[in-house]
Amino acid sequence: MVKHKLKITAIIFLLLLIPSIVFAEYWGSKNSNKYHYPNCVWAQKINPNNLIKFGNPEDAIKAGYVPCKVCRPPVSSKWDFIKEI
């Protein structure tokens, strides 16, 4: 019974995690050089008039942005972390 609950919990976790990875969006400001996850405390402070949205980290980096040190968005949208496992 415990294994069954654990499997269900793992499946639910993956179903919630995968869309956030695949359909991720990153925010930057015209007034800074950082990009963030949209739910980052610093992203929430960006004036809507200055908001720039990126579809992936590579686009943000090409535009001269660097990852926020608070929310720590990825520097690549590729699944490089799988190689480390």
C-alpha atoms as a PDB file:
ATOM      1  CA  MET A   1       0.000   0.000   0.000  1.00  0.00           C
ATOM      2  CA  VAL A   2       2.840   2.415   0.847  1.00  0.00           C
ATOM      3  CA  LYS A   3       4.587   1.688  -2.470  1.00  0.00           C
ATOM      4  CA  HIS A   4       1.344   2.382  -4.330  1.00  0.00           C
ATOM      5  CA  LYS A   5       0.956   5.780  -2.619  1.00  0.00           C
ATOM      6  CA  LEU A   6       4.586   6.582  -3.351  1.00  0.00           C
ATOM      7  CA  LYS A   7       4.118   5.777  -7.048  1.00  0.00           C
ATOM      8  CA  ILE A   8       0.996   7.935  -7.232  1.00  0.00           C
ATOM      9  CA  THR A   9       2.811  10.796  -5.501  1.00  0.00           C
ATOM     10  CA  ALA A  10       5.738  10.504  -7.942  1.00  0.00           C
ATOM     11  CA  ILE A  11       3.389  10.518 -10.952  1.00  0.00           C
ATOM     12  CA  ILE A  12       1.535  13.593  -9.691  1.00  0.00           C
ATOM     13  CA  PHE A  13       4.828  15.370  -9.035  1.00  0.00           C
ATOM     14  CA  LEU A  14       6.065  14.642 -12.561  1.00  0.00           C
ATOM     15  CA  LEU A  15       2.786  15.745 -14.124  1.00  0.00           C
ATOM     16  CA  LEU A  16       3.090  19.055 -12.294  1.00  0.00           C
ATOM     17  CA  LEU A  17       6.813  19.500 -12.954  1.00  0.00           C
ATOM     18  CA  ILE A  18       7.075  18.637 -16.650  1.00  0.00           C
ATOM     19  CA  PRO A  19       4.800  21.422 -17.977  1.00  0.00           C
ATOM     20  CA  SER A  20       6.722  24.011 -15.972  1.00  0.00           C
ATOM     21  CA  ILE A  21       9.963  22.849 -17.590  1.00  0.00           C
ATOM     22  CA  VAL A  22       8.638  22.436 -21.128  1.00  0.00           C
ATOM     23  CA  PHE A  23       6.529  25.595 -21.216  1.00  0.00           C
ATOM     24  CA  ALA A  24       8.751  27.761 -19.060  1.00  0.00           C
ATOM     25  CA  GLU A  25       8.811  31.501 -19.466  1.00  0.00           C
ATOM     26  CA  TYR A  26      11.440  33.883 -18.176  1.00  0.00           C
ATOM     27  CA  TRP A  27      11.075  37.550 -17.354  1.00  0.00           C
ATOM     28  CA  GLY A  28      13.522  40.401 -17.582  1.00  0.00           C
ATOM     29  CA  SER A  29      13.330  44.149 -17.224  1.00  0.00           C
ATOM     30  CA  LYS A  30      14.423  46.791 -19.692  1.00  0.00           C
ATOM     31  CA  ASN A  31      16.164  48.405 -16.710  1.00  0.00           C
ATOM     32  CA  SER A  32      18.328  45.468 -15.608  1.00  0.00           C
ATOM     33  CA  ASN A  33      20.420  42.623 -16.977  1.00  0.00           C
ATOM     34  CA  LYS A  34      18.846  39.764 -14.949  1.00  0.00           C
ATOM     35  CA  TYR A  35      16.251  37.215 -16.062  1.00  0.00           C
ATOM     36  CA  HIS A  36      13.932  35.462 -13.632  1.00  0.00           C
ATOM     37  CA  TYR A  37      11.233  32.873 -13.197  1.00  0.00           C
ATOM     38  CA  PRO A  38       7.914  34.763 -13.291  1.00  0.00           C
ATOM     39  CA  ASN A  39       7.197  33.853  -9.660  1.00  0.00           C
ATOM     40  CA  CYS A  40      10.511  35.283  -8.412  1.00  0.00           C
ATOM     41  CA  VAL A  41      10.157  38.044  -5.832  1.00  0.00           C
ATOM     42  CA  TRP A  42      12.261  40.328  -8.067  1.00  0.00           C
ATOM     43  CA  ALA A  43      10.292  39.502 -11.222  1.00  0.00           C
ATOM     44  CA  GLN A  44       7.107  40.488  -9.429  1.00  0.00           C
ATOM     45  CA  LYS A  45       8.572  43.974  -8.911  1.00  0.00           C
ATOM     46  CA  ILE A  46       9.137  44.619 -12.633  1.00  0.00           C
ATOM     47  CA  ASN A  47       7.006  47.453 -13.952  1.00  0.00           C
ATOM     48  CA  PRO A  48       4.730  46.034 -16.688  1.00  0.00           C
ATOM     49  CA  ASN A  49       5.963  48.786 -19.038  1.00  0.00           C
ATOM     50  CA  ASN A  50       9.527  47.458 -18.651  1.00  0.00           C
ATOM     51  CA  LEU A  51       8.717  43.730 -18.790  1.00  0.00           C
ATOM     52  CA  ILE A  52      10.464  41.579 -21.394  1.00  0.00           C
ATOM     53  CA  LYS A  53       9.460  37.929 -21.747  1.00  0.00           C
ATOM     54  CA  PHE A  54      11.767  35.218 -23.005  1.00  0.00           C
ATOM     55  CA  GLY A  55      10.707  31.751 -24.128  1.00  0.00           C
ATOM     56  CA  ASN A  56      13.962  30.125 -23.097  1.00  0.00           C
ATOM     57  CA  PRO A  57      17.176  30.957 -21.242  1.00  0.00           C
ATOM     58  CA  GLU A  58      19.234  31.048 -24.429  1.00  0.00           C
ATOM     59  CA  ASP A  59      17.180  33.976 -25.764  1.00  0.00           C
ATOM     60  CA  ALA A  60      17.683  35.872 -22.513  1.00  0.00           C
ATOM     61  CA  ILE A  61      21.431  35.260 -22.581  1.00  0.00           C
ATOM     62  CA  LYS A  62      21.677  36.307 -26.251  1.00  0.00           C
ATOM     63  CA  ALA A  63      19.948  39.550 -25.285  1.00  0.00           C
ATOM     64  CA  GLY A  64      22.630  40.188 -22.652  1.00  0.00           C
ATOM     65  CA  TYR A  65      20.774  38.973 -19.569  1.00  0.00           C
ATOM     66  CA  VAL A  66      22.207  36.798 -16.787  1.00  0.00           C
ATOM     67  CA  PRO A  67      20.319  34.473 -14.404  1.00  0.00           C
ATOM     68  CA  CYS A  68      18.943  35.899 -11.171  1.00  0.00           C
ATOM     69  CA  LYS A  69      20.875  34.714  -8.120  1.00  0.00           C
ATOM     70  CA  VAL A  70      17.683  34.498  -6.058  1.00  0.00           C
ATOM     71  CA  CYS A  71      15.396  32.285  -8.184  1.00  0.00           C
ATOM     72  CA  ARG A  72      18.274  30.683 -10.125  1.00  0.00           C
ATOM     73  CA  PRO A  73      16.686  30.041 -13.514  1.00  0.00           C
ATOM     74  CA  PRO A  74      18.558  27.683 -15.822  1.00  0.00           C
ATOM     75  CA  VAL A  75      21.231  28.856 -18.248  1.00  0.00           C
ATOM     76  CA  SER A  76      20.127  26.259 -20.783  1.00  0.00           C
ATOM     77  CA  SER A  77      16.790  24.775 -21.753  1.00  0.00           C
ATOM     78  CA  LYS A  78      18.515  21.541 -22.720  1.00  0.00           C
ATOM     79  CA  TRP A  79      18.285  18.599 -20.354  1.00  0.00           C
ATOM     80  CA  ASP A  80      22.009  18.607 -19.505  1.00  0.00           C
ATOM     81  CA  PHE A  81      21.349  17.638 -15.913  1.00  0.00           C
ATOM     82  CA  ILE A  82      20.410  14.109 -17.055  1.00  0.00           C
ATOM     83  CA  LYS A  83      24.063  13.496 -17.956  1.00  0.00           C
ATOM     84  CA  GLU A  84      25.029  14.176 -14.341  1.00  0.00           C
ATOM     85  CA  ILE A  85      22.725  11.505 -12.930  1.00  0.00           C
END
